[in-house]
Amino acid sequence: MNEPKNTETTQSFDPHASSLQGEVKNEVLEELYAIRGSIDNFDAQLVFLLAERFKATQRVGILKAKHQLPPSDPNREKAQIERLRDLAHEAHLDPEFAEKFLNFVISEVIRHHQNISDSHNNA
C-alpha cells in the first residue's frame, strides 16, 4: 500500500478545527483532539486501502473486457455482501452499514468495468 504523501491538501488540514474551542475545558478538548487524531489516521488508511482495492478491480475490469465478460457478476456480489455482513457482525459493526458501504463500492466498480468495456470495444 502506498504511504500518504504530504500534499497541499493535508498541509492545509487543521486537525484542531472545532466549533467547541472556548466552549469546553482545555483537557476535554485535548482528549477530543487525541481521539480525532486516531479517526483522521483511520480515514487516511481507508482512502489508501480503497485506492488499492480499485487498482485491483481495474485489473479485473480489463480482464473482463478482453474476454467480453459482463461488468457485473451477481453471484460474486451476493457472496461478497454475505461475507462482509458476517465480518461486520464479528467486528461489532452494523451489518446493514457494511452492506450499504459494499453496495456503494460494488456499484462504482461495475460503473468502472462498464467504462473499461465500452472503451475496449470502441478501440
Protein backbone atom coordinates (compact mmCIF):
# COMPACT_ATOMS: atom_id res chain seq x y z
CA MET A 1 0.00 0.00 0.00
CA ASN A 2 1.29 3.46 -0.84
CA GLU A 3 2.01 5.75 2.05
CA PRO A 4 0.12 9.07 2.27
CA LYS A 5 2.04 11.94 0.78
CA ASN A 6 2.20 15.30 2.48
CA THR A 7 0.30 17.24 -0.19
CA GLU A 8 -1.10 20.73 -0.03
CA THR A 9 -4.47 19.24 0.92
CA THR A 10 -3.07 17.54 4.00
CA GLN A 11 -0.91 20.56 4.80
CA SER A 12 -3.94 22.85 4.89
CA PHE A 13 -5.93 20.43 7.07
CA ASP A 14 -6.35 21.71 10.60
CA PRO A 15 -6.71 18.71 12.93
CA HIS A 16 -7.80 21.06 15.70
CA ALA A 17 -10.62 22.67 13.75
CA SER A 18 -13.57 22.68 16.11
CA SER A 19 -16.55 24.80 16.96
CA LEU A 20 -16.07 23.73 20.58
CA GLN A 21 -13.00 25.91 21.26
CA GLY A 22 -13.77 28.19 24.15
CA GLU A 23 -16.89 26.15 24.98
CA VAL A 24 -15.27 23.26 26.90
CA LYS A 25 -12.33 22.78 29.23
CA ASN A 26 -8.90 22.51 27.59
CA GLU A 27 -8.32 18.99 28.93
CA VAL A 28 -11.59 17.82 27.37
CA LEU A 29 -10.63 19.48 24.10
CA GLU A 30 -7.17 17.86 24.18
CA GLU A 31 -8.70 14.42 24.72
CA LEU A 32 -11.13 15.11 21.87
CA TYR A 33 -8.20 16.10 19.61
CA ALA A 34 -6.33 12.90 20.51
CA ILE A 35 -9.32 10.70 19.66
CA ARG A 36 -9.99 12.64 16.47
CA GLY A 37 -6.32 12.22 15.53
CA SER A 38 -6.86 8.46 15.56
CA ILE A 39 -10.01 8.88 13.47
CA ASP A 40 -8.07 11.02 10.97
CA ASN A 41 -5.45 8.28 10.68
CA PHE A 42 -8.14 5.65 10.09
CA ASP A 43 -9.75 7.84 7.42
CA ALA A 44 -6.42 8.23 5.62
CA GLN A 45 -5.87 4.47 5.74
CA LEU A 46 -9.36 3.86 4.37
CA VAL A 47 -8.72 6.19 1.44
CA PHE A 48 -5.44 4.48 0.54
CA LEU A 49 -6.95 1.00 1.00
CA LEU A 50 -9.83 1.94 -1.29
CA ALA A 51 -7.34 3.23 -3.85
CA GLU A 52 -5.51 -0.11 -3.77
CA ARG A 53 -8.80 -2.00 -4.00
CA PHE A 54 -9.84 0.00 -7.05
CA LYS A 55 -6.47 -0.67 -8.70
CA ALA A 56 -7.19 -4.40 -8.34
CA THR A 57 -10.75 -4.08 -9.61
CA GLN A 58 -9.42 -2.07 -12.56
CA ARG A 59 -7.33 -5.10 -13.49
CA VAL A 60 -10.45 -7.27 -13.22
CA GLY A 61 -12.29 -4.84 -15.50
CA ILE A 62 -9.55 -5.04 -18.13
CA LEU A 63 -9.57 -8.85 -17.97
CA LYS A 64 -13.35 -8.90 -18.31
CA ALA A 65 -13.24 -6.50 -21.27
CA LYS A 66 -10.56 -8.55 -23.07
CA HIS A 67 -12.66 -11.69 -22.72
CA GLN A 68 -16.01 -9.98 -23.29
CA LEU A 69 -17.31 -10.83 -19.84
CA PRO A 70 -20.15 -8.80 -18.28
CA PRO A 71 -19.17 -5.91 -15.98
CA SER A 72 -21.35 -7.31 -13.19
CA ASP A 73 -21.20 -10.74 -11.53
CA PRO A 74 -24.35 -11.01 -9.36
CA ASN A 75 -23.35 -14.31 -7.72
CA ARG A 76 -19.96 -12.89 -6.70
CA GLU A 77 -21.59 -9.68 -5.43
CA LYS A 78 -24.14 -11.62 -3.37
CA ALA A 79 -21.41 -13.80 -1.85
CA GLN A 80 -19.30 -10.74 -1.04
CA ILE A 81 -22.20 -9.00 0.65
CA GLU A 82 -22.95 -12.07 2.78
CA ARG A 83 -19.26 -12.38 3.67
CA LEU A 84 -18.98 -8.71 4.63
CA ARG A 85 -22.15 -8.87 6.71
CA ASP A 86 -20.65 -11.82 8.63
CA LEU A 87 -17.35 -9.99 9.09
CA ALA A 88 -19.20 -6.87 10.24
CA HIS A 89 -21.13 -8.89 12.79
CA GLU A 90 -17.87 -10.41 14.10
CA ALA A 91 -16.29 -6.95 14.27
CA HIS A 92 -19.31 -5.46 16.10
CA LEU A 93 -20.09 -3.21 13.14
CA ASP A 94 -23.65 -2.78 11.97
CA PRO A 95 -24.09 -5.34 9.13
CA GLU A 96 -26.62 -3.01 7.46
CA PHE A 97 -23.98 -0.29 7.29
CA ALA A 98 -21.39 -2.74 5.93
CA GLU A 99 -23.84 -3.87 3.25
CA LYS A 100 -24.68 -0.30 2.23
CA PHE A 101 -20.97 0.52 2.05
CA LEU A 102 -20.17 -2.54 -0.05
CA ASN A 103 -23.15 -1.92 -2.34
CA PHE A 104 -21.82 1.58 -2.98
CA VAL A 105 -18.32 0.24 -3.73
CA ILE A 106 -19.72 -2.51 -5.98
CA SER A 107 -21.81 -0.01 -7.95
CA GLU A 108 -18.69 2.10 -8.54
CA VAL A 109 -16.70 -0.96 -9.61
CA ILE A 110 -19.43 -2.01 -12.05
CA ARG A 111 -19.52 1.53 -13.46
CA HIS A 112 -15.75 1.42 -13.94
CA HIS A 113 -15.95 -2.04 -15.53
CA GLN A 114 -18.64 -0.82 -17.92
CA ASN A 115 -16.48 2.17 -18.90
CA ILE A 116 -13.48 -0.11 -19.47
CA SER A 117 -15.62 -2.47 -21.54
CA ASP A 118 -17.03 0.39 -23.60
CA SER A 119 -13.59 1.86 -24.29
CA HIS A 120 -12.14 -1.60 -25.08
CA ASN A 121 -14.95 -2.35 -27.54
CA ASN A 122 -14.60 1.05 -29.22
CA ALA A 123 -10.83 0.65 -29.67
